[in-house]
């Protein structure tokens, strides 16, 4: 089974943040966006993309944790948190090049996407009004990116 992470099609994402609200509600029964496991970034005023854990093959967040509070499920690729071991130092947050880890200010431990294992599919995917989110393996993501690049290349004079 290929490991699949949540990916966002920036051509479809409007930056509405429904994915963030859906996540916070599913995970913490709250609309507090600080504890959402997916984040919407706006690199330019007219661009938006939602970012969640990319399930890296050799995750730097796991390697950076001085208390071994993070591990990776070998079958699903999700990052597992042992809350009892997490000191809230934030090294994993700094190590994640995607900005996919956040600190829960109420618990002083990190939060990271686990793909909603208790639901049929992640809540953010289910509720995205633009259907900009999908579960994709690295090969699927690369294929879509190649297709988009080819379409841009063919459209240019």
N, C-alpha and C. Protein backbone atom coordinates (compact mmCIF):
# COMPACT_ATOMS: atom_id res chain seq x y z
N UNK A 1 0.84 -1.19 0.00
CA UNK A 1 0.00 0.00 0.00
C UNK A 1 0.88 1.25 0.00
N UNK A 2 0.63 2.15 -0.96
CA UNK A 2 1.39 3.39 -1.04
C UNK A 2 0.92 4.34 0.05
N UNK A 3 1.87 5.02 0.63
CA UNK A 3 1.54 6.01 1.65
C UNK A 3 0.97 7.24 0.95
N UNK A 4 -0.17 7.72 1.43
CA UNK A 4 -0.84 8.86 0.81
C UNK A 4 -1.03 9.98 1.84
N UNK A 5 -0.63 11.18 1.45
CA UNK A 5 -0.77 12.37 2.30
C UNK A 5 -1.84 13.28 1.71
N UNK A 6 -2.31 14.20 2.52
CA UNK A 6 -3.26 15.20 2.03
C UNK A 6 -2.50 16.21 1.19
N UNK A 7 -2.97 16.41 -0.03
CA UNK A 7 -2.38 17.41 -0.91
C UNK A 7 -3.48 18.37 -1.36
N UNK A 8 -3.05 19.53 -1.78
CA UNK A 8 -3.98 20.59 -2.18
C UNK A 8 -3.67 21.04 -3.59
N UNK A 9 -4.71 21.18 -4.38
CA UNK A 9 -4.57 21.73 -5.72
C UNK A 9 -4.73 23.24 -5.61
N UNK A 10 -3.64 23.99 -5.75
CA UNK A 10 -3.73 25.45 -5.57
C UNK A 10 -4.63 26.13 -6.60
N UNK A 11 -4.85 25.48 -7.73
CA UNK A 11 -5.75 26.07 -8.74
C UNK A 11 -7.20 26.04 -8.27
N UNK A 12 -7.52 25.13 -7.34
CA UNK A 12 -8.89 25.03 -6.84
C UNK A 12 -9.08 25.67 -5.46
N UNK A 13 -8.01 25.78 -4.69
CA UNK A 13 -8.11 26.31 -3.32
C UNK A 13 -8.41 27.81 -3.33
N UNK A 14 -9.45 28.20 -2.59
CA UNK A 14 -9.82 29.62 -2.51
C UNK A 14 -9.33 30.27 -1.21
N UNK A 15 -8.76 29.46 -0.31
CA UNK A 15 -8.30 30.01 0.96
C UNK A 15 -9.43 30.21 1.96
N UNK A 16 -10.54 29.53 1.78
CA UNK A 16 -11.71 29.72 2.65
C UNK A 16 -11.50 29.22 4.08
N UNK A 17 -10.55 28.35 4.29
CA UNK A 17 -10.21 27.79 5.60
C UNK A 17 -11.24 26.82 6.16
N UNK A 18 -12.18 26.38 5.35
CA UNK A 18 -13.13 25.38 5.82
C UNK A 18 -12.38 24.14 6.29
N UNK A 19 -11.30 23.78 5.61
CA UNK A 19 -10.51 22.61 6.01
C UNK A 19 -9.97 22.77 7.43
N UNK A 20 -9.52 23.97 7.77
CA UNK A 20 -8.99 24.23 9.11
C UNK A 20 -10.10 24.13 10.16
N UNK A 21 -11.23 24.74 9.88
CA UNK A 21 -12.36 24.66 10.82
C UNK A 21 -12.83 23.23 10.99
N UNK A 22 -12.92 22.49 9.88
CA UNK A 22 -13.37 21.09 9.94
C UNK A 22 -12.41 20.26 10.78
N UNK A 23 -11.13 20.48 10.60
CA UNK A 23 -10.11 19.75 11.36
C UNK A 23 -10.20 20.06 12.85
N UNK A 24 -10.22 21.33 13.19
CA UNK A 24 -10.28 21.72 14.60
C UNK A 24 -11.53 21.16 15.27
N UNK A 25 -12.64 21.18 14.56
CA UNK A 25 -13.88 20.65 15.13
C UNK A 25 -13.80 19.13 15.29
N UNK A 26 -13.26 18.44 14.29
CA UNK A 26 -13.15 16.98 14.35
C UNK A 26 -12.19 16.52 15.43
N UNK A 27 -11.11 17.26 15.61
CA UNK A 27 -10.06 16.83 16.54
C UNK A 27 -10.24 17.35 17.96
N UNK A 28 -10.78 18.55 18.10
CA UNK A 28 -10.84 19.17 19.43
C UNK A 28 -12.22 19.69 19.79
N UNK A 29 -13.21 19.43 18.95
CA UNK A 29 -14.57 19.93 19.21
C UNK A 29 -14.55 21.43 19.46
N UNK A 30 -13.76 22.13 18.64
CA UNK A 30 -13.56 23.56 18.79
C UNK A 30 -13.35 24.18 17.41
N UNK A 31 -13.58 25.47 17.31
CA UNK A 31 -13.26 26.18 16.08
C UNK A 31 -11.97 26.98 16.24
N UNK A 32 -11.11 26.58 17.15
CA UNK A 32 -9.83 27.23 17.40
C UNK A 32 -8.84 26.80 16.32
N UNK A 33 -8.55 27.69 15.39
CA UNK A 33 -7.68 27.35 14.27
C UNK A 33 -6.24 27.11 14.68
N UNK A 34 -5.85 27.53 15.87
CA UNK A 34 -4.49 27.25 16.34
C UNK A 34 -4.23 25.77 16.50
N UNK A 35 -5.26 24.98 16.68
CA UNK A 35 -5.06 23.55 16.89
C UNK A 35 -5.48 22.70 15.69
N UNK A 36 -5.72 23.35 14.56
CA UNK A 36 -6.01 22.60 13.33
C UNK A 36 -4.73 21.92 12.86
N UNK A 37 -4.89 20.75 12.29
CA UNK A 37 -3.75 19.98 11.80
C UNK A 37 -3.47 20.23 10.33
N UNK A 38 -4.24 21.10 9.72
CA UNK A 38 -4.03 21.55 8.35
C UNK A 38 -4.05 23.07 8.39
N UNK A 39 -3.21 23.69 7.59
CA UNK A 39 -3.11 25.16 7.61
C UNK A 39 -3.21 25.70 6.19
N UNK A 40 -3.85 26.85 6.08
CA UNK A 40 -3.96 27.53 4.79
C UNK A 40 -2.89 28.61 4.73
N UNK A 41 -2.09 28.54 3.69
CA UNK A 41 -1.03 29.54 3.49
C UNK A 41 -1.41 30.41 2.29
N UNK A 42 -1.02 31.65 2.38
CA UNK A 42 -1.28 32.60 1.29
C UNK A 42 0.04 33.25 0.88
N UNK A 43 0.79 32.60 -0.02
CA UNK A 43 2.07 33.17 -0.42
C UNK A 43 1.95 34.50 -1.16
N UNK A 44 0.82 34.69 -1.81
CA UNK A 44 0.49 35.95 -2.50
C UNK A 44 -0.97 36.26 -2.18
N UNK A 45 -1.38 37.52 -2.25
CA UNK A 45 -2.77 37.86 -1.92
C UNK A 45 -3.81 37.08 -2.73
N UNK A 46 -3.48 36.72 -3.96
CA UNK A 46 -4.45 36.01 -4.80
C UNK A 46 -4.17 34.51 -4.90
N UNK A 47 -3.32 33.98 -4.02
CA UNK A 47 -2.99 32.56 -4.02
C UNK A 47 -3.24 31.97 -2.64
N UNK A 48 -3.69 30.73 -2.62
CA UNK A 48 -3.88 30.02 -1.36
C UNK A 48 -3.61 28.54 -1.58
N UNK A 49 -3.12 27.90 -0.54
CA UNK A 49 -2.90 26.46 -0.57
C UNK A 49 -2.96 25.95 0.86
N UNK A 50 -3.60 24.82 1.04
CA UNK A 50 -3.67 24.21 2.37
C UNK A 50 -2.57 23.18 2.50
N UNK A 51 -1.95 23.14 3.67
CA UNK A 51 -0.79 22.28 3.89
C UNK A 51 -1.01 21.44 5.14
N UNK A 52 -0.80 20.14 5.00
CA UNK A 52 -0.84 19.20 6.12
C UNK A 52 0.43 18.37 6.08
N UNK A 53 0.61 17.51 7.05
CA UNK A 53 1.79 16.66 7.11
C UNK A 53 1.98 15.91 5.80
N UNK A 54 3.19 15.90 5.29
CA UNK A 54 3.50 15.25 4.01
C UNK A 54 3.95 13.81 4.18
N UNK A 55 3.99 13.32 5.42
CA UNK A 55 4.37 11.93 5.69
C UNK A 55 5.72 11.60 5.07
N UNK A 56 6.70 12.42 5.36
CA UNK A 56 8.05 12.26 4.80
C UNK A 56 8.59 10.85 5.05
N UNK A 57 9.33 10.30 4.09
CA UNK A 57 9.91 8.96 4.28
C UNK A 57 10.89 8.89 5.45
N UNK A 58 11.68 9.93 5.65
CA UNK A 58 12.60 10.02 6.79
C UNK A 58 12.30 11.34 7.49
N UNK A 59 11.23 11.38 8.29
CA UNK A 59 10.74 12.67 8.79
C UNK A 59 11.73 13.38 9.72
N UNK A 60 12.10 14.61 9.34
CA UNK A 60 13.01 15.37 10.21
C UNK A 60 12.38 15.72 11.56
N UNK A 61 11.06 15.79 11.63
CA UNK A 61 10.41 16.10 12.91
C UNK A 61 10.68 14.98 13.92
N UNK A 62 10.61 13.74 13.47
CA UNK A 62 10.86 12.60 14.35
C UNK A 62 12.32 12.61 14.81
N UNK A 63 13.23 12.83 13.86
CA UNK A 63 14.66 12.83 14.18
C UNK A 63 15.04 13.97 15.14
N UNK A 64 14.32 15.08 15.06
CA UNK A 64 14.67 16.26 15.86
C UNK A 64 14.18 16.20 17.30
N UNK A 65 13.25 15.32 17.60
CA UNK A 65 12.64 15.30 18.94
C UNK A 65 13.62 14.76 19.98
N UNK A 66 14.01 15.58 20.95
CA UNK A 66 14.98 15.13 21.94
C UNK A 66 14.41 14.14 22.97
N UNK A 67 13.09 14.03 23.01
CA UNK A 67 12.46 13.13 24.00
C UNK A 67 11.81 11.92 23.36
N UNK A 68 12.06 11.71 22.07
CA UNK A 68 11.49 10.58 21.33
C UNK A 68 9.97 10.51 21.48
N UNK A 69 9.34 11.68 21.43
CA UNK A 69 7.88 11.74 21.55
C UNK A 69 7.19 11.46 20.22
N UNK A 70 7.92 11.55 19.14
CA UNK A 70 7.36 11.32 17.82
C UNK A 70 7.92 10.04 17.21
N UNK A 71 7.06 9.32 16.53
CA UNK A 71 7.48 8.14 15.77
C UNK A 71 6.62 8.08 14.51
N UNK A 72 7.00 7.22 13.59
CA UNK A 72 6.24 7.11 12.35
C UNK A 72 5.67 5.71 12.20
N UNK A 73 4.38 5.64 11.93
CA UNK A 73 3.73 4.37 11.67
C UNK A 73 4.28 3.83 10.35
N UNK A 74 4.94 2.66 10.37
CA UNK A 74 5.57 2.17 9.15
C UNK A 74 4.58 1.82 8.04
N UNK A 75 3.36 1.46 8.37
CA UNK A 75 2.38 1.07 7.36
C UNK A 75 1.68 2.28 6.75
N UNK A 76 1.25 3.21 7.58
CA UNK A 76 0.47 4.36 7.09
C UNK A 76 1.30 5.61 6.88
N UNK A 77 2.47 5.67 7.50
CA UNK A 77 3.33 6.84 7.36
C UNK A 77 3.00 7.99 8.27
N UNK A 78 1.87 7.91 9.00
CA UNK A 78 1.49 9.03 9.85
C UNK A 78 2.47 9.16 11.02
N UNK A 79 2.61 10.38 11.49
CA UNK A 79 3.48 10.66 12.63
C UNK A 79 2.64 10.48 13.89
N UNK A 80 3.15 9.66 14.79
CA UNK A 80 2.45 9.38 16.04
C UNK A 80 3.09 10.19 17.16
N UNK A 81 2.26 10.73 18.03
CA UNK A 81 2.72 11.54 19.15
C UNK A 81 2.45 10.82 20.46
N UNK A 82 3.49 10.70 21.27
CA UNK A 82 3.35 10.21 22.63
C UNK A 82 3.29 11.46 23.50
N UNK A 83 2.07 11.90 23.85
CA UNK A 83 1.89 13.16 24.59
C UNK A 83 2.62 13.18 25.92
N UNK A 84 2.73 12.03 26.56
CA UNK A 84 3.42 11.96 27.85
C UNK A 84 4.90 12.30 27.72
N UNK A 85 5.47 12.06 26.56
CA UNK A 85 6.89 12.33 26.35
C UNK A 85 7.16 13.74 25.80
N UNK A 86 6.14 14.36 25.18
CA UNK A 86 6.32 15.67 24.55
C UNK A 86 6.48 16.76 25.60
N UNK A 87 7.58 17.50 25.50
CA UNK A 87 7.83 18.60 26.45
C UNK A 87 7.38 19.95 25.90
N UNK A 88 6.97 19.97 24.63
CA UNK A 88 6.55 21.23 24.02
C UNK A 88 7.72 22.11 23.62
N UNK A 89 8.89 21.52 23.42
CA UNK A 89 10.08 22.31 23.07
C UNK A 89 9.98 22.95 21.69
N UNK A 90 9.22 22.32 20.78
CA UNK A 90 9.02 22.89 19.46
C UNK A 90 10.09 22.57 18.43
N UNK A 91 11.04 21.72 18.75
CA UNK A 91 12.09 21.40 17.78
C UNK A 91 11.50 20.77 16.53
N UNK A 92 10.46 19.95 16.70
CA UNK A 92 9.83 19.31 15.54
C UNK A 92 9.18 20.36 14.64
N UNK A 93 8.63 21.40 15.24
CA UNK A 93 8.00 22.47 14.46
C UNK A 93 9.05 23.13 13.58
N UNK A 94 10.21 23.40 14.16
CA UNK A 94 11.29 24.02 13.39
C UNK A 94 11.84 23.09 12.33
N UNK A 95 11.83 21.79 12.59
CA UNK A 95 12.40 20.82 11.66
C UNK A 95 11.50 20.57 10.45
N UNK A 96 10.22 20.82 10.58
CA UNK A 96 9.28 20.54 9.48
C UNK A 96 9.34 21.65 8.44
N UNK A 97 9.83 21.32 7.26
CA UNK A 97 9.97 22.34 6.22
C UNK A 97 8.65 22.74 5.59
N UNK A 98 7.58 22.03 5.91
CA UNK A 98 6.27 22.35 5.35
C UNK A 98 5.41 23.17 6.32
N UNK A 99 5.87 23.37 7.54
CA UNK A 99 5.07 24.12 8.52
C UNK A 99 3.81 23.37 8.91
N UNK A 100 3.89 22.03 8.91
CA UNK A 100 2.71 21.20 9.12
C UNK A 100 2.48 20.79 10.57
N UNK A 101 3.30 21.27 11.48
CA UNK A 101 3.15 20.93 12.90
C UNK A 101 2.86 22.21 13.66
N UNK A 102 1.95 22.13 14.60
CA UNK A 102 1.59 23.31 15.40
C UNK A 102 1.62 22.95 16.88
N UNK A 103 1.69 23.96 17.71
CA UNK A 103 1.67 23.78 19.16
C UNK A 103 0.26 24.06 19.67
N UNK A 104 -0.26 23.14 20.45
CA UNK A 104 -1.55 23.35 21.10
C UNK A 104 -1.25 24.12 22.38
N UNK A 105 -1.64 25.40 22.44
CA UNK A 105 -1.30 26.21 23.62
C UNK A 105 -1.93 25.70 24.91
N UNK A 106 -3.04 24.99 24.82
CA UNK A 106 -3.69 24.52 26.04
C UNK A 106 -3.01 23.29 26.64
N UNK A 107 -2.41 22.46 25.80
CA UNK A 107 -1.76 21.25 26.31
C UNK A 107 -0.24 21.36 26.30
N UNK A 108 0.29 22.36 25.62
CA UNK A 108 1.74 22.55 25.47
C UNK A 108 2.40 21.33 24.80
N UNK A 109 1.65 20.67 23.93
CA UNK A 109 2.22 19.61 23.10
C UNK A 109 1.83 19.87 21.66
N UNK A 110 2.51 19.22 20.75
CA UNK A 110 2.28 19.49 19.34
C UNK A 110 1.07 18.75 18.80
N UNK A 111 0.55 19.26 17.70
CA UNK A 111 -0.53 18.60 16.97
C UNK A 111 -0.07 18.44 15.53
N UNK A 112 -0.41 17.28 14.97
CA UNK A 112 0.01 16.95 13.62
C UNK A 112 -1.05 16.07 12.98
N UNK A 113 -1.25 16.19 11.70
CA UNK A 113 -2.28 15.44 10.99
C UNK A 113 -2.07 13.94 11.13
N UNK A 114 -3.14 13.24 11.47
CA UNK A 114 -3.11 11.77 11.55
C UNK A 114 -4.09 11.15 10.56
N UNK A 115 -4.57 11.93 9.62
CA UNK A 115 -5.50 11.49 8.58
C UNK A 115 -6.83 10.97 9.13
N UNK A 116 -7.21 11.42 10.31
CA UNK A 116 -8.50 11.07 10.92
C UNK A 116 -8.77 9.56 10.86
N UNK A 117 -7.99 8.75 11.55
CA UNK A 117 -8.13 7.30 11.44
C UNK A 117 -9.47 6.75 11.92
N UNK A 118 -10.21 7.52 12.71
CA UNK A 118 -11.51 7.08 13.22
C UNK A 118 -12.66 7.43 12.28
N UNK A 119 -12.36 8.06 11.14
CA UNK A 119 -13.37 8.46 10.17
C UNK A 119 -13.12 7.76 8.83
N UNK A 120 -14.14 7.65 7.99
CA UNK A 120 -13.94 7.01 6.67
C UNK A 120 -12.88 7.72 5.82
N UNK A 121 -12.85 9.05 5.92
CA UNK A 121 -11.80 9.83 5.26
C UNK A 121 -11.58 11.10 6.07
N UNK A 122 -10.42 11.75 5.93
CA UNK A 122 -10.16 12.96 6.70
C UNK A 122 -11.27 13.99 6.52
N UNK A 123 -11.65 14.61 7.63
CA UNK A 123 -12.76 15.56 7.64
C UNK A 123 -12.50 16.73 6.69
N UNK A 124 -11.26 17.18 6.59
CA UNK A 124 -10.96 18.31 5.70
C UNK A 124 -11.27 17.96 4.24
N UNK A 125 -10.95 16.74 3.82
CA UNK A 125 -11.26 16.30 2.45
C UNK A 125 -12.75 16.25 2.23
N UNK A 126 -13.45 15.74 3.21
CA UNK A 126 -14.90 15.59 3.11
C UNK A 126 -15.62 16.93 2.95
N UNK A 127 -15.12 17.96 3.65
CA UNK A 127 -15.86 19.22 3.69
C UNK A 127 -15.30 20.34 2.81
N UNK A 128 -14.20 20.11 2.12
CA UNK A 128 -13.65 21.17 1.26
C UNK A 128 -14.67 21.51 0.17
N UNK A 129 -15.19 22.73 0.15
CA UNK A 129 -16.24 23.07 -0.80
C UNK A 129 -15.76 23.10 -2.26
N UNK A 130 -14.46 23.25 -2.47
CA UNK A 130 -13.92 23.31 -3.82
C UNK A 130 -13.31 21.98 -4.27
N UNK A 131 -13.32 20.99 -3.39
CA UNK A 131 -12.69 19.70 -3.64
C UNK A 131 -11.23 19.87 -4.06
N UNK A 132 -10.56 20.79 -3.37
CA UNK A 132 -9.16 21.08 -3.67
C UNK A 132 -8.22 20.09 -2.98
N UNK A 133 -8.72 19.36 -2.00
CA UNK A 133 -7.88 18.44 -1.23
C UNK A 133 -8.07 17.01 -1.70
N UNK A 134 -6.98 16.25 -1.65
CA UNK A 134 -7.05 14.83 -2.00
C UNK A 134 -5.98 14.08 -1.23
N UNK A 135 -6.13 12.76 -1.17
CA UNK A 135 -5.10 11.89 -0.62
C UNK A 135 -4.27 11.41 -1.80
N UNK A 136 -2.97 11.66 -1.77
CA UNK A 136 -2.12 11.33 -2.89
C UNK A 136 -0.79 10.78 -2.44
N UNK A 137 -0.31 9.79 -3.16
CA UNK A 137 1.04 9.28 -2.93
C UNK A 137 2.02 10.27 -3.57
N UNK A 138 3.29 10.21 -3.22
CA UNK A 138 4.26 11.09 -3.89
C UNK A 138 4.26 10.92 -5.41
N UNK A 139 4.10 9.70 -5.89
CA UNK A 139 4.08 9.46 -7.35
C UNK A 139 2.85 10.12 -7.98
N UNK A 140 1.69 10.03 -7.32
CA UNK A 140 0.49 10.67 -7.85
C UNK A 140 0.64 12.19 -7.88
N UNK A 141 1.19 12.75 -6.82
CA UNK A 141 1.40 14.19 -6.75
C UNK A 141 2.35 14.63 -7.85
N UNK A 142 3.45 13.90 -8.04
CA UNK A 142 4.41 14.24 -9.09
C UNK A 142 3.75 14.18 -10.47
N UNK A 143 2.92 13.18 -10.70
CA UNK A 143 2.23 13.05 -11.98
C UNK A 143 1.30 14.23 -12.24
N UNK A 144 0.54 14.63 -11.23
CA UNK A 144 -0.35 15.80 -11.39
C UNK A 144 0.45 17.06 -11.65
N UNK A 145 1.57 17.22 -10.94
CA UNK A 145 2.41 18.41 -11.15
C UNK A 145 2.99 18.43 -12.56
N UNK A 146 3.40 17.26 -13.07
CA UNK A 146 3.90 17.19 -14.45
C UNK A 146 2.80 17.57 -15.44
N UNK A 147 1.60 17.05 -15.21
CA UNK A 147 0.48 17.38 -16.11
C UNK A 147 0.21 18.88 -16.11
N UNK A 148 0.19 19.50 -14.92
CA UNK A 148 -0.05 20.95 -14.85
C UNK A 148 1.06 21.72 -15.57
N UNK A 149 2.31 21.29 -15.37
CA UNK A 149 3.44 21.96 -16.02
C UNK A 149 3.34 21.81 -17.54
N UNK A 150 2.95 20.63 -18.00
CA UNK A 150 2.83 20.41 -19.44
C UNK A 150 1.73 21.29 -20.03
N UNK A 151 0.59 21.40 -19.31
CA UNK A 151 -0.50 22.25 -19.79
C UNK A 151 -0.07 23.71 -19.86
N UNK A 152 0.68 24.17 -18.86
CA UNK A 152 1.19 25.55 -18.90
C UNK A 152 2.15 25.74 -20.08
N UNK A 153 3.00 24.77 -20.28
CA UNK A 153 3.99 24.84 -21.36
C UNK A 153 3.28 24.88 -22.72
N UNK A 154 2.28 24.06 -22.90
CA UNK A 154 1.54 24.01 -24.16
C UNK A 154 0.71 25.26 -24.39
N UNK A 155 0.27 25.90 -23.33
CA UNK A 155 -0.55 27.11 -23.44
C UNK A 155 0.27 28.35 -23.71
N UNK A 156 1.56 28.30 -23.41
CA UNK A 156 2.37 29.51 -23.61
C UNK A 156 2.79 29.61 -25.08
N UNK A 157 2.90 30.85 -25.59
CA UNK A 157 3.23 31.06 -27.01
C UNK A 157 4.65 30.66 -27.34
